[in-house]
Amino acid sequence: MRVALVLLYTTGLRLGELLRLTLGDIDPQAGVLHIRESKFHKSRWLPLSPSAGAELRRYLRIRRRYRVDRRPTAPLLCNRRRHGWRLYSASGLGQALHALFDAAGVRNSEGRCPRVHDIRHAFALQALLRWYQQEGDVQVNLPKLALYMGHVSIVSTAYYLRWMPAVLERASERFEHSFGRLVQGGKP
């Protein structure tokens, strides 16, 4: 569960993308994942942060201790059952993550446990907020985020802009800083 949560949170993967990852889709030394034929039949390479790469390598070391399929076609994530190792189903992994959130007391502002897709949403919002805080050009970076997340266009990625008051506040501050004098009738 730990590596599943780390990969979801640090990469913004869709649940199905995570479940379809095989051992052949990862390069733990380089710290990259190959997402094959995802939504809209797009494939992409995702670099991992150093800490996420370290978690993945740790998981693989632990996994090697057990009698788990090591072929490149073997699924990255599997769980132990009475009769051996099995693939997670989407509902099974979703329920396991929900149980983990519940046990840890992770709740949203309405008091509910987050959904798995909320992790992807949080990834996108944090990237946008980071760019605003670093005074980055969000319009230049938006296509990069769209590509990283496997969106068909930046319109899908721009959707996240409207859901974060902190991003809207930073955008407003930057606009006022750059163009506030013009709005008030002054010189730029």
N, C-alpha and C. Protein backbone atom coordinates (compact mmCIF):
# COMPACT_ATOMS: atom_id res chain seq x y z
N MET A 1 0.82 -1.19 0.00
CA MET A 1 0.00 0.00 0.00
C MET A 1 0.87 1.26 0.00
N ARG A 2 1.99 1.17 0.70
CA ARG A 2 2.84 2.36 0.80
C ARG A 2 3.32 2.82 -0.57
N VAL A 3 3.87 1.90 -1.37
CA VAL A 3 4.38 2.31 -2.67
C VAL A 3 3.23 2.76 -3.58
N ALA A 4 2.07 2.16 -3.45
CA ALA A 4 0.91 2.59 -4.24
C ALA A 4 0.56 4.03 -3.91
N LEU A 5 0.50 4.35 -2.64
CA LEU A 5 0.16 5.71 -2.22
C LEU A 5 1.24 6.71 -2.64
N VAL A 6 2.50 6.33 -2.47
CA VAL A 6 3.61 7.21 -2.85
C VAL A 6 3.55 7.51 -4.35
N LEU A 7 3.35 6.47 -5.17
CA LEU A 7 3.31 6.69 -6.62
C LEU A 7 2.10 7.50 -7.04
N LEU A 8 0.95 7.24 -6.44
CA LEU A 8 -0.24 8.03 -6.78
C LEU A 8 -0.04 9.50 -6.41
N TYR A 9 0.49 9.75 -5.23
CA TYR A 9 0.62 11.12 -4.74
C TYR A 9 1.72 11.91 -5.45
N THR A 10 2.83 11.25 -5.77
CA THR A 10 3.96 11.99 -6.34
C THR A 10 3.96 12.05 -7.87
N THR A 11 3.10 11.27 -8.51
CA THR A 11 3.08 11.27 -9.98
C THR A 11 1.75 11.70 -10.56
N GLY A 12 0.68 11.69 -9.77
CA GLY A 12 -0.63 12.03 -10.31
C GLY A 12 -1.20 10.95 -11.22
N LEU A 13 -0.72 9.72 -11.06
CA LEU A 13 -1.22 8.61 -11.88
C LEU A 13 -2.71 8.39 -11.67
N ARG A 14 -3.37 7.91 -12.70
CA ARG A 14 -4.73 7.39 -12.57
C ARG A 14 -4.61 6.02 -11.91
N LEU A 15 -5.66 5.60 -11.22
CA LEU A 15 -5.64 4.30 -10.54
C LEU A 15 -5.38 3.17 -11.54
N GLY A 16 -6.05 3.20 -12.67
CA GLY A 16 -5.86 2.16 -13.69
C GLY A 16 -4.44 2.12 -14.22
N GLU A 17 -3.81 3.29 -14.36
CA GLU A 17 -2.42 3.35 -14.82
C GLU A 17 -1.50 2.65 -13.82
N LEU A 18 -1.73 2.91 -12.55
CA LEU A 18 -0.92 2.28 -11.51
C LEU A 18 -1.11 0.77 -11.52
N LEU A 19 -2.35 0.33 -11.66
CA LEU A 19 -2.62 -1.10 -11.64
C LEU A 19 -2.05 -1.83 -12.84
N ARG A 20 -1.94 -1.15 -13.98
CA ARG A 20 -1.40 -1.78 -15.20
C ARG A 20 0.13 -1.77 -15.26
N LEU A 21 0.80 -1.08 -14.35
CA LEU A 21 2.25 -1.07 -14.37
C LEU A 21 2.81 -2.47 -14.16
N THR A 22 3.77 -2.84 -15.00
CA THR A 22 4.46 -4.12 -14.85
C THR A 22 5.90 -3.84 -14.45
N LEU A 23 6.59 -4.88 -14.07
CA LEU A 23 8.01 -4.72 -13.72
C LEU A 23 8.81 -4.20 -14.91
N GLY A 24 8.40 -4.57 -16.12
CA GLY A 24 9.08 -4.09 -17.32
C GLY A 24 8.82 -2.62 -17.63
N ASP A 25 7.82 -2.03 -16.98
CA ASP A 25 7.48 -0.62 -17.21
C ASP A 25 8.26 0.33 -16.31
N ILE A 26 9.07 -0.21 -15.44
CA ILE A 26 9.80 0.66 -14.50
C ILE A 26 11.30 0.51 -14.69
N ASP A 27 11.96 1.62 -14.51
CA ASP A 27 13.42 1.61 -14.45
C ASP A 27 13.77 2.22 -13.10
N PRO A 28 13.92 1.36 -12.09
CA PRO A 28 14.13 1.88 -10.73
C PRO A 28 15.42 2.65 -10.56
N GLN A 29 16.46 2.31 -11.32
CA GLN A 29 17.73 3.03 -11.18
C GLN A 29 17.63 4.43 -11.77
N ALA A 30 16.99 4.55 -12.92
CA ALA A 30 16.82 5.87 -13.54
C ALA A 30 15.67 6.63 -12.89
N GLY A 31 14.78 5.91 -12.21
CA GLY A 31 13.64 6.56 -11.57
C GLY A 31 12.59 7.03 -12.55
N VAL A 32 12.22 6.15 -13.49
CA VAL A 32 11.17 6.51 -14.46
C VAL A 32 10.17 5.36 -14.58
N LEU A 33 8.93 5.75 -14.90
CA LEU A 33 7.85 4.80 -15.17
C LEU A 33 7.41 4.98 -16.61
N HIS A 34 7.10 3.88 -17.28
CA HIS A 34 6.56 3.95 -18.63
C HIS A 34 5.07 3.61 -18.53
N ILE A 35 4.25 4.61 -18.80
CA ILE A 35 2.80 4.43 -18.78
C ILE A 35 2.39 4.10 -20.21
N ARG A 36 1.89 2.89 -20.40
CA ARG A 36 1.56 2.42 -21.76
C ARG A 36 0.06 2.52 -22.05
N GLU A 37 -0.22 3.04 -23.24
CA GLU A 37 -1.59 3.01 -23.76
C GLU A 37 -2.62 3.31 -22.69
N SER A 38 -2.52 4.48 -22.11
CA SER A 38 -3.44 4.86 -21.06
C SER A 38 -4.72 5.43 -21.67
N LYS A 39 -5.38 6.27 -20.93
CA LYS A 39 -6.60 6.90 -21.41
C LYS A 39 -6.29 7.63 -22.72
N PHE A 40 -7.18 7.56 -23.65
CA PHE A 40 -7.02 8.16 -24.98
C PHE A 40 -5.86 7.51 -25.75
N HIS A 41 -5.47 6.30 -25.36
CA HIS A 41 -4.42 5.51 -26.03
C HIS A 41 -3.09 6.24 -26.10
N LYS A 42 -2.79 7.01 -25.05
CA LYS A 42 -1.53 7.74 -24.99
C LYS A 42 -0.55 6.99 -24.10
N SER A 43 0.71 7.01 -24.49
CA SER A 43 1.79 6.46 -23.65
C SER A 43 2.71 7.61 -23.28
N ARG A 44 3.37 7.49 -22.13
CA ARG A 44 4.28 8.54 -21.71
C ARG A 44 5.28 7.98 -20.69
N TRP A 45 6.38 8.69 -20.55
CA TRP A 45 7.39 8.38 -19.55
C TRP A 45 7.24 9.37 -18.41
N LEU A 46 7.27 8.88 -17.18
CA LEU A 46 7.16 9.76 -16.01
C LEU A 46 8.41 9.66 -15.16
N PRO A 47 9.14 10.76 -15.03
CA PRO A 47 10.27 10.74 -14.09
C PRO A 47 9.73 10.80 -12.66
N LEU A 48 10.41 10.12 -11.77
CA LEU A 48 10.03 10.12 -10.36
C LEU A 48 10.91 11.08 -9.59
N SER A 49 10.38 11.61 -8.52
CA SER A 49 11.21 12.41 -7.62
C SER A 49 12.22 11.47 -6.97
N PRO A 50 13.34 12.01 -6.49
CA PRO A 50 14.33 11.14 -5.83
C PRO A 50 13.73 10.33 -4.68
N SER A 51 12.84 10.94 -3.89
CA SER A 51 12.26 10.20 -2.76
C SER A 51 11.29 9.12 -3.24
N ALA A 52 10.52 9.39 -4.29
CA ALA A 52 9.62 8.36 -4.82
C ALA A 52 10.41 7.23 -5.46
N GLY A 53 11.51 7.56 -6.14
CA GLY A 53 12.38 6.53 -6.70
C GLY A 53 12.97 5.65 -5.61
N ALA A 54 13.37 6.25 -4.49
CA ALA A 54 13.92 5.49 -3.37
C ALA A 54 12.86 4.56 -2.78
N GLU A 55 11.63 5.04 -2.67
CA GLU A 55 10.53 4.20 -2.17
C GLU A 55 10.28 3.01 -3.09
N LEU A 56 10.32 3.26 -4.39
CA LEU A 56 10.11 2.19 -5.36
C LEU A 56 11.22 1.14 -5.25
N ARG A 57 12.46 1.58 -5.15
CA ARG A 57 13.57 0.63 -5.00
C ARG A 57 13.45 -0.16 -3.70
N ARG A 58 13.02 0.49 -2.64
CA ARG A 58 12.81 -0.19 -1.35
C ARG A 58 11.73 -1.27 -1.49
N TYR A 59 10.64 -0.92 -2.14
CA TYR A 59 9.55 -1.88 -2.36
C TYR A 59 10.04 -3.08 -3.16
N LEU A 60 10.82 -2.82 -4.20
CA LEU A 60 11.32 -3.91 -5.04
C LEU A 60 12.26 -4.83 -4.27
N ARG A 61 13.07 -4.26 -3.37
CA ARG A 61 13.95 -5.10 -2.53
C ARG A 61 13.11 -6.01 -1.62
N ILE A 62 12.08 -5.44 -1.02
CA ILE A 62 11.20 -6.24 -0.15
C ILE A 62 10.47 -7.30 -0.96
N ARG A 63 10.01 -6.92 -2.12
CA ARG A 63 9.28 -7.85 -2.99
C ARG A 63 10.14 -9.05 -3.39
N ARG A 64 11.43 -8.82 -3.61
CA ARG A 64 12.34 -9.92 -4.01
C ARG A 64 12.47 -11.00 -2.94
N ARG A 65 12.21 -10.64 -1.69
CA ARG A 65 12.31 -11.62 -0.60
C ARG A 65 11.23 -12.70 -0.67
N TYR A 66 10.15 -12.38 -1.34
CA TYR A 66 9.02 -13.31 -1.42
C TYR A 66 9.00 -14.00 -2.78
N ARG A 67 8.27 -15.06 -2.87
CA ARG A 67 8.17 -15.80 -4.14
C ARG A 67 7.09 -15.16 -5.00
N VAL A 68 7.47 -14.06 -5.59
CA VAL A 68 6.56 -13.30 -6.45
C VAL A 68 7.15 -13.29 -7.84
N ASP A 69 6.30 -13.39 -8.82
CA ASP A 69 6.72 -13.39 -10.23
C ASP A 69 7.65 -12.21 -10.50
N ARG A 70 8.81 -12.48 -11.09
CA ARG A 70 9.80 -11.44 -11.38
C ARG A 70 9.95 -11.16 -12.86
N ARG A 71 9.12 -11.77 -13.70
CA ARG A 71 9.22 -11.53 -15.14
C ARG A 71 8.83 -10.08 -15.45
N PRO A 72 9.34 -9.53 -16.53
CA PRO A 72 9.00 -8.14 -16.90
C PRO A 72 7.50 -7.91 -17.08
N THR A 73 6.76 -8.97 -17.40
CA THR A 73 5.32 -8.83 -17.60
C THR A 73 4.52 -8.92 -16.30
N ALA A 74 5.20 -9.23 -15.18
CA ALA A 74 4.53 -9.35 -13.89
C ALA A 74 4.06 -7.97 -13.42
N PRO A 75 2.89 -7.91 -12.79
CA PRO A 75 2.41 -6.63 -12.29
C PRO A 75 3.31 -6.08 -11.19
N LEU A 76 3.46 -4.78 -11.18
CA LEU A 76 4.26 -4.15 -10.12
C LEU A 76 3.61 -4.38 -8.76
N LEU A 77 2.31 -4.15 -8.68
CA LEU A 77 1.60 -4.30 -7.41
C LEU A 77 0.83 -5.61 -7.37
N CYS A 78 0.96 -6.30 -6.27
CA CYS A 78 0.18 -7.51 -6.06
C CYS A 78 -0.04 -7.65 -4.56
N ASN A 79 -1.01 -8.48 -4.20
CA ASN A 79 -1.28 -8.68 -2.79
C ASN A 79 -1.32 -10.17 -2.48
N ARG A 80 -1.09 -10.49 -1.25
CA ARG A 80 -1.00 -11.90 -0.84
C ARG A 80 -2.39 -12.38 -0.43
N ARG A 81 -2.74 -13.52 -0.96
CA ARG A 81 -3.98 -14.20 -0.61
C ARG A 81 -3.63 -15.57 -0.05
N ARG A 82 -4.63 -16.28 0.40
CA ARG A 82 -4.40 -17.62 0.95
C ARG A 82 -3.67 -18.54 -0.03
N HIS A 83 -4.00 -18.43 -1.29
CA HIS A 83 -3.45 -19.34 -2.29
C HIS A 83 -2.38 -18.68 -3.15
N GLY A 84 -1.64 -17.75 -2.61
CA GLY A 84 -0.56 -17.12 -3.37
C GLY A 84 -0.77 -15.64 -3.59
N TRP A 85 -0.08 -15.12 -4.57
CA TRP A 85 -0.09 -13.69 -4.87
C TRP A 85 -1.08 -13.41 -5.99
N ARG A 86 -1.78 -12.29 -5.90
CA ARG A 86 -2.77 -11.91 -6.91
C ARG A 86 -2.65 -10.43 -7.24
N LEU A 87 -3.15 -10.12 -8.41
CA LEU A 87 -3.25 -8.73 -8.85
C LEU A 87 -4.30 -8.00 -8.02
N TYR A 88 -4.09 -6.73 -7.77
CA TYR A 88 -5.16 -5.92 -7.18
C TYR A 88 -6.18 -5.62 -8.27
N SER A 89 -7.42 -5.57 -7.89
CA SER A 89 -8.46 -5.04 -8.78
C SER A 89 -8.58 -3.56 -8.46
N ALA A 90 -9.20 -2.80 -9.36
CA ALA A 90 -9.38 -1.37 -9.10
C ALA A 90 -10.20 -1.16 -7.84
N SER A 91 -11.27 -1.91 -7.69
CA SER A 91 -12.10 -1.73 -6.49
C SER A 91 -11.35 -2.21 -5.24
N GLY A 92 -10.57 -3.29 -5.37
CA GLY A 92 -9.82 -3.79 -4.22
C GLY A 92 -8.78 -2.80 -3.73
N LEU A 93 -8.03 -2.21 -4.66
CA LEU A 93 -7.02 -1.23 -4.26
C LEU A 93 -7.69 0.04 -3.74
N GLY A 94 -8.77 0.44 -4.39
CA GLY A 94 -9.51 1.62 -3.93
C GLY A 94 -10.03 1.43 -2.51
N GLN A 95 -10.58 0.25 -2.23
CA GLN A 95 -11.09 -0.04 -0.89
C GLN A 95 -9.95 -0.10 0.13
N ALA A 96 -8.83 -0.68 -0.26
CA ALA A 96 -7.68 -0.76 0.65
C ALA A 96 -7.15 0.64 0.99
N LEU A 97 -7.07 1.51 -0.01
CA LEU A 97 -6.61 2.88 0.24
C LEU A 97 -7.62 3.63 1.11
N HIS A 98 -8.91 3.42 0.84
CA HIS A 98 -9.94 4.06 1.66
C HIS A 98 -9.82 3.61 3.12
N ALA A 99 -9.60 2.31 3.34
CA ALA A 99 -9.43 1.78 4.69
C ALA A 99 -8.20 2.39 5.36
N LEU A 100 -7.13 2.55 4.58
CA LEU A 100 -5.91 3.18 5.09
C LEU A 100 -6.17 4.63 5.52
N PHE A 101 -6.86 5.39 4.66
CA PHE A 101 -7.20 6.78 5.00
C PHE A 101 -8.07 6.82 6.25
N ASP A 102 -9.03 5.92 6.31
CA ASP A 102 -9.94 5.88 7.45
C ASP A 102 -9.17 5.59 8.74
N ALA A 103 -8.30 4.59 8.70
CA ALA A 103 -7.52 4.23 9.89
C ALA A 103 -6.58 5.36 10.33
N ALA A 104 -6.07 6.11 9.35
CA ALA A 104 -5.15 7.21 9.66
C ALA A 104 -5.89 8.50 10.01
N GLY A 105 -7.20 8.50 9.87
CA GLY A 105 -8.00 9.69 10.17
C GLY A 105 -7.87 10.79 9.13
N VAL A 106 -7.53 10.42 7.89
CA VAL A 106 -7.41 11.41 6.81
C VAL A 106 -8.82 11.75 6.34
N ARG A 107 -9.15 13.02 6.42
CA ARG A 107 -10.49 13.49 6.05
C ARG A 107 -10.38 14.80 5.28
N ASN A 108 -11.36 15.05 4.44
CA ASN A 108 -11.42 16.34 3.75
C ASN A 108 -12.17 17.34 4.62
N SER A 109 -12.40 18.52 4.12
CA SER A 109 -13.04 19.57 4.92
C SER A 109 -14.48 19.23 5.30
N GLU A 110 -15.11 18.30 4.57
CA GLU A 110 -16.47 17.86 4.91
C GLU A 110 -16.47 16.64 5.83
N GLY A 111 -15.27 16.18 6.23
CA GLY A 111 -15.19 15.04 7.14
C GLY A 111 -15.20 13.68 6.46
N ARG A 112 -15.09 13.65 5.13
CA ARG A 112 -15.11 12.38 4.40
C ARG A 112 -13.69 11.95 4.04
N CYS A 113 -13.50 10.64 3.90
CA CYS A 113 -12.22 10.12 3.41
C CYS A 113 -12.06 10.52 1.94
N PRO A 114 -10.85 10.87 1.53
CA PRO A 114 -10.66 11.23 0.12
C PRO A 114 -10.85 10.02 -0.79
N ARG A 115 -11.28 10.30 -2.00
CA ARG A 115 -11.35 9.27 -3.03
C ARG A 115 -9.96 9.13 -3.65
N VAL A 116 -9.71 8.03 -4.33
CA VAL A 116 -8.41 7.83 -4.96
C VAL A 116 -8.15 8.93 -5.98
N HIS A 117 -9.18 9.33 -6.73
CA HIS A 117 -8.98 10.37 -7.74
C HIS A 117 -8.63 11.72 -7.10
N ASP A 118 -9.00 11.91 -5.85
CA ASP A 118 -8.65 13.15 -5.15
C ASP A 118 -7.13 13.30 -5.01
N ILE A 119 -6.41 12.18 -4.98
CA ILE A 119 -4.95 12.22 -4.90
C ILE A 119 -4.39 12.82 -6.19
N ARG A 120 -4.95 12.42 -7.32
CA ARG A 120 -4.53 12.97 -8.62
C ARG A 120 -4.85 14.46 -8.68
N HIS A 121 -6.00 14.81 -8.21
CA HIS A 121 -6.42 16.21 -8.16
C HIS A 121 -5.44 17.03 -7.32
N ALA A 122 -5.07 16.49 -6.15
CA ALA A 122 -4.14 17.18 -5.26
C ALA A 122 -2.77 17.35 -5.93
N PHE A 123 -2.33 16.34 -6.68
CA PHE A 123 -1.06 16.43 -7.40
C PHE A 123 -1.08 17.62 -8.36
N ALA A 124 -2.12 17.73 -9.16
CA ALA A 124 -2.22 18.83 -10.13
C ALA A 124 -2.28 20.18 -9.43
N LEU A 125 -3.07 20.28 -8.39
CA LEU A 125 -3.20 21.56 -7.67
C LEU A 125 -1.89 21.97 -7.02
N GLN A 126 -1.17 21.01 -6.46
CA GLN A 126 0.11 21.34 -5.83
C GLN A 126 1.14 21.80 -6.86
N ALA A 127 1.14 21.19 -8.04
CA ALA A 127 2.05 21.64 -9.10
C ALA A 127 1.73 23.09 -9.49
N LEU A 128 0.47 23.39 -9.68
CA LEU A 128 0.06 24.75 -10.06
C LEU A 128 0.43 25.75 -8.96
N LEU A 129 0.14 25.42 -7.73
CA LEU A 129 0.46 26.31 -6.62
C LEU A 129 1.97 26.54 -6.50
N ARG A 130 2.74 25.47 -6.68
CA ARG A 130 4.21 25.60 -6.63
C ARG A 130 4.70 26.59 -7.68
N TRP A 131 4.16 26.51 -8.90
CA TRP A 131 4.58 27.41 -9.97
C TRP A 131 4.23 28.86 -9.63
N TYR A 132 3.05 29.07 -9.08
CA TYR A 132 2.69 30.44 -8.68
C TYR A 132 3.61 30.93 -7.57
N GLN A 133 3.88 30.10 -6.59
CA GLN A 133 4.74 30.52 -5.48
C GLN A 133 6.16 30.79 -5.93
N GLN A 134 6.63 30.09 -6.97
CA GLN A 134 7.98 30.28 -7.49
C GLN A 134 8.02 31.35 -8.57
N GLU A 135 6.89 32.05 -8.76
CA GLU A 135 6.80 33.10 -9.78
C GLU A 135 7.03 32.54 -11.18
N GLY A 136 6.68 31.26 -11.37
CA GLY A 136 6.83 30.63 -12.69
C GLY A 136 5.73 31.06 -13.64
N ASP A 137 5.95 30.82 -14.90
CA ASP A 137 4.95 31.14 -15.92
C ASP A 137 4.02 29.94 -16.05
N VAL A 138 2.86 30.03 -15.42
CA VAL A 138 1.92 28.92 -15.38
C VAL A 138 1.42 28.57 -16.78
N GLN A 139 1.20 29.56 -17.62
CA GLN A 139 0.71 29.29 -18.97
C GLN A 139 1.74 28.50 -19.79
N VAL A 140 3.02 28.73 -19.55
CA VAL A 140 4.06 27.97 -20.24
C VAL A 140 4.13 26.55 -19.66
N ASN A 141 3.94 26.43 -18.35
CA ASN A 141 4.06 25.13 -17.69
C ASN A 141 2.82 24.25 -17.81
N LEU A 142 1.66 24.84 -18.08
CA LEU A 142 0.42 24.07 -18.16
C LEU A 142 0.49 22.94 -19.20
N PRO A 143 1.03 23.17 -20.40
CA PRO A 143 1.14 22.05 -21.35
C PRO A 143 2.06 20.93 -20.84
N LYS A 144 3.08 21.29 -20.06
CA LYS A 144 3.96 20.26 -19.49
C LYS A 144 3.20 19.39 -18.50
N LEU A 145 2.38 20.04 -17.68
CA LEU A 145 1.58 19.29 -16.71
C LEU A 145 0.56 18.42 -17.45
N ALA A 146 -0.02 18.94 -18.51
CA ALA A 146 -0.98 18.15 -19.30
C ALA A 146 -0.32 16.91 -19.87
N LEU A 147 0.87 17.06 -20.40
CA LEU A 147 1.62 15.93 -20.95
C LEU A 147 1.96 14.93 -19.86
N TYR A 148 2.45 15.41 -18.74
CA TYR A 148 2.84 14.55 -17.62
C TYR A 148 1.65 13.74 -17.11
N MET A 149 0.48 14.38 -17.03
CA MET A 149 -0.69 13.71 -16.49
C MET A 149 -1.44 12.88 -17.54
N GLY A 150 -1.02 12.97 -18.80
CA GLY A 150 -1.68 12.19 -19.84
C GLY A 150 -2.99 12.78 -20.33
N HIS A 151 -3.14 14.09 -20.16
CA HIS A 151 -4.35 14.75 -20.66
C HIS A 151 -4.27 14.92 -22.17
N VAL A 152 -5.42 14.92 -22.79
CA VAL A 152 -5.49 15.07 -24.24
C VAL A 152 -5.18 16.51 -24.66
N SER A 153 -5.50 17.47 -23.81
CA SER A 153 -5.21 18.87 -24.09
C SER A 153 -5.06 19.63 -22.78
N ILE A 154 -4.58 20.87 -22.89
CA ILE A 154 -4.42 21.65 -21.66
C ILE A 154 -5.76 22.09 -21.09
N VAL A 155 -6.83 22.00 -21.86
CA VAL A 155 -8.16 22.35 -21.36
C VAL A 155 -8.50 21.45 -20.16
N SER A 156 -8.17 20.16 -20.28
CA SER A 156 -8.42 19.23 -19.17
C SER A 156 -7.58 19.60 -17.96
N THR A 157 -6.38 20.07 -18.17
CA THR A 157 -5.49 20.44 -17.07
C THR A 157 -5.91 21.78 -16.47
N ALA A 158 -6.33 22.72 -17.31
CA ALA A 158 -6.76 24.04 -16.84
C ALA A 158 -7.97 23.93 -15.92
N TYR A 159 -8.71 22.84 -16.04
CA TYR A 159 -9.86 22.59 -15.17
C TYR A 159 -9.46 22.71 -13.70
N TYR A 160 -8.25 22.29 -13.36
CA TYR A 160 -7.81 22.30 -11.96
C TYR A 160 -7.59 23.72 -11.44
N LEU A 161 -7.37 24.67 -12.33
CA LEU A 161 -7.12 26.05 -11.90
C LEU A 161 -8.29 26.63 -11.11
N ARG A 162 -9.49 26.28 -11.50
CA ARG A 162 -10.66 26.91 -10.87
C ARG A 162 -11.03 26.30 -9.53
N TRP A 163 -10.37 25.24 -9.13
CA TRP A 163 -10.74 24.55 -7.90
C TRP A 163 -9.84 24.86 -6.72
N MET A 164 -8.96 25.82 -6.87
CA MET A 164 -8.05 26.08 -5.77
C MET A 164 -7.99 27.57 -5.47
N PRO A 165 -8.64 27.98 -4.39
CA PRO A 165 -8.62 29.40 -4.03
C PRO A 165 -7.20 29.96 -3.88
N ALA A 166 -6.26 29.18 -3.36
CA ALA A 166 -4.89 29.66 -3.18
C ALA A 166 -4.26 29.99 -4.53
N VAL A 167 -4.54 29.18 -5.56
CA VAL A 167 -4.00 29.45 -6.90
C VAL A 167 -4.64 30.72 -7.45
N LEU A 168 -5.94 30.85 -7.28
CA LEU A 168 -6.63 32.05 -7.78
C LEU A 168 -6.11 33.30 -7.06
N GLU A 169 -5.88 33.18 -5.78
CA GLU A 169 -5.35 34.32 -5.00
C GLU A 169 -3.96 34.72 -5.49
N ARG A 170 -3.08 33.73 -5.71
CA ARG A 170 -1.73 34.03 -6.20
C ARG A 170 -1.79 34.64 -7.60
N ALA A 171 -2.67 34.13 -8.45
CA ALA A 171 -2.81 34.67 -9.80
C ALA A 171 -3.27 36.12 -9.73
N SER A 172 -4.21 36.40 -8.85
CA SER A 172 -4.71 37.76 -8.68
C SER A 172 -3.61 38.69 -8.17
N GLU A 173 -2.82 38.22 -7.21
CA GLU A 173 -1.71 39.02 -6.68
C GLU A 173 -0.69 39.33 -7.78
N ARG A 174 -0.37 38.32 -8.59
CA ARG A 174 0.60 38.54 -9.67
C ARG A 174 0.06 39.52 -10.70
N PHE A 175 -1.23 39.42 -11.01
CA PHE A 175 -1.83 40.35 -11.96
C PHE A 175 -1.78 41.77 -11.40
N GLU A 176 -2.16 41.91 -10.14
CA GLU A 176 -2.15 43.24 -9.53
C GLU A 176 -0.73 43.81 -9.49
N HIS A 177 0.23 42.99 -9.14
CA HIS A 177 1.62 43.44 -9.09
C HIS A 177 2.10 43.92 -10.47
N SER A 178 1.73 43.18 -11.51
CA SER A 178 2.19 43.51 -12.86
C SER A 178 1.38 44.61 -13.53
N PHE A 179 0.07 44.61 -13.30
CA PHE A 179 -0.80 45.51 -14.07
C PHE A 179 -1.71 46.38 -13.21
N GLY A 180 -1.53 46.36 -11.91
CA GLY A 180 -2.40 47.12 -11.02
C GLY A 180 -2.45 48.60 -11.33
N ARG A 181 -1.30 49.17 -11.70
CA ARG A 181 -1.26 50.61 -12.02
C ARG A 181 -2.12 50.92 -13.24
N LEU A 182 -2.15 50.03 -14.20
CA LEU A 182 -2.96 50.26 -15.39
C LEU A 182 -4.44 50.28 -15.06
N VAL A 183 -4.83 49.37 -14.19
CA VAL A 183 -6.24 49.31 -13.79
C VAL A 183 -6.62 50.57 -13.02
N GLN A 184 -5.68 51.12 -12.24
CA GLN A 184 -5.96 52.33 -11.45
C GLN A 184 -5.70 53.59 -12.24
N GLY A 185 -5.33 53.46 -13.51
CA GLY A 185 -5.12 54.63 -14.36
C GLY A 185 -3.72 55.18 -14.35
N GLY A 186 -2.78 54.47 -13.76
CA GLY A 186 -1.39 54.94 -13.69
C GLY A 186 -0.58 54.44 -14.85
N LYS A 187 0.73 54.71 -14.80
CA LYS A 187 1.65 54.23 -15.83
C LYS A 187 2.21 52.88 -15.44
N PRO A 188 2.52 52.04 -16.46
CA PRO A 188 3.08 50.72 -16.14
C PRO A 188 4.48 50.82 -15.56
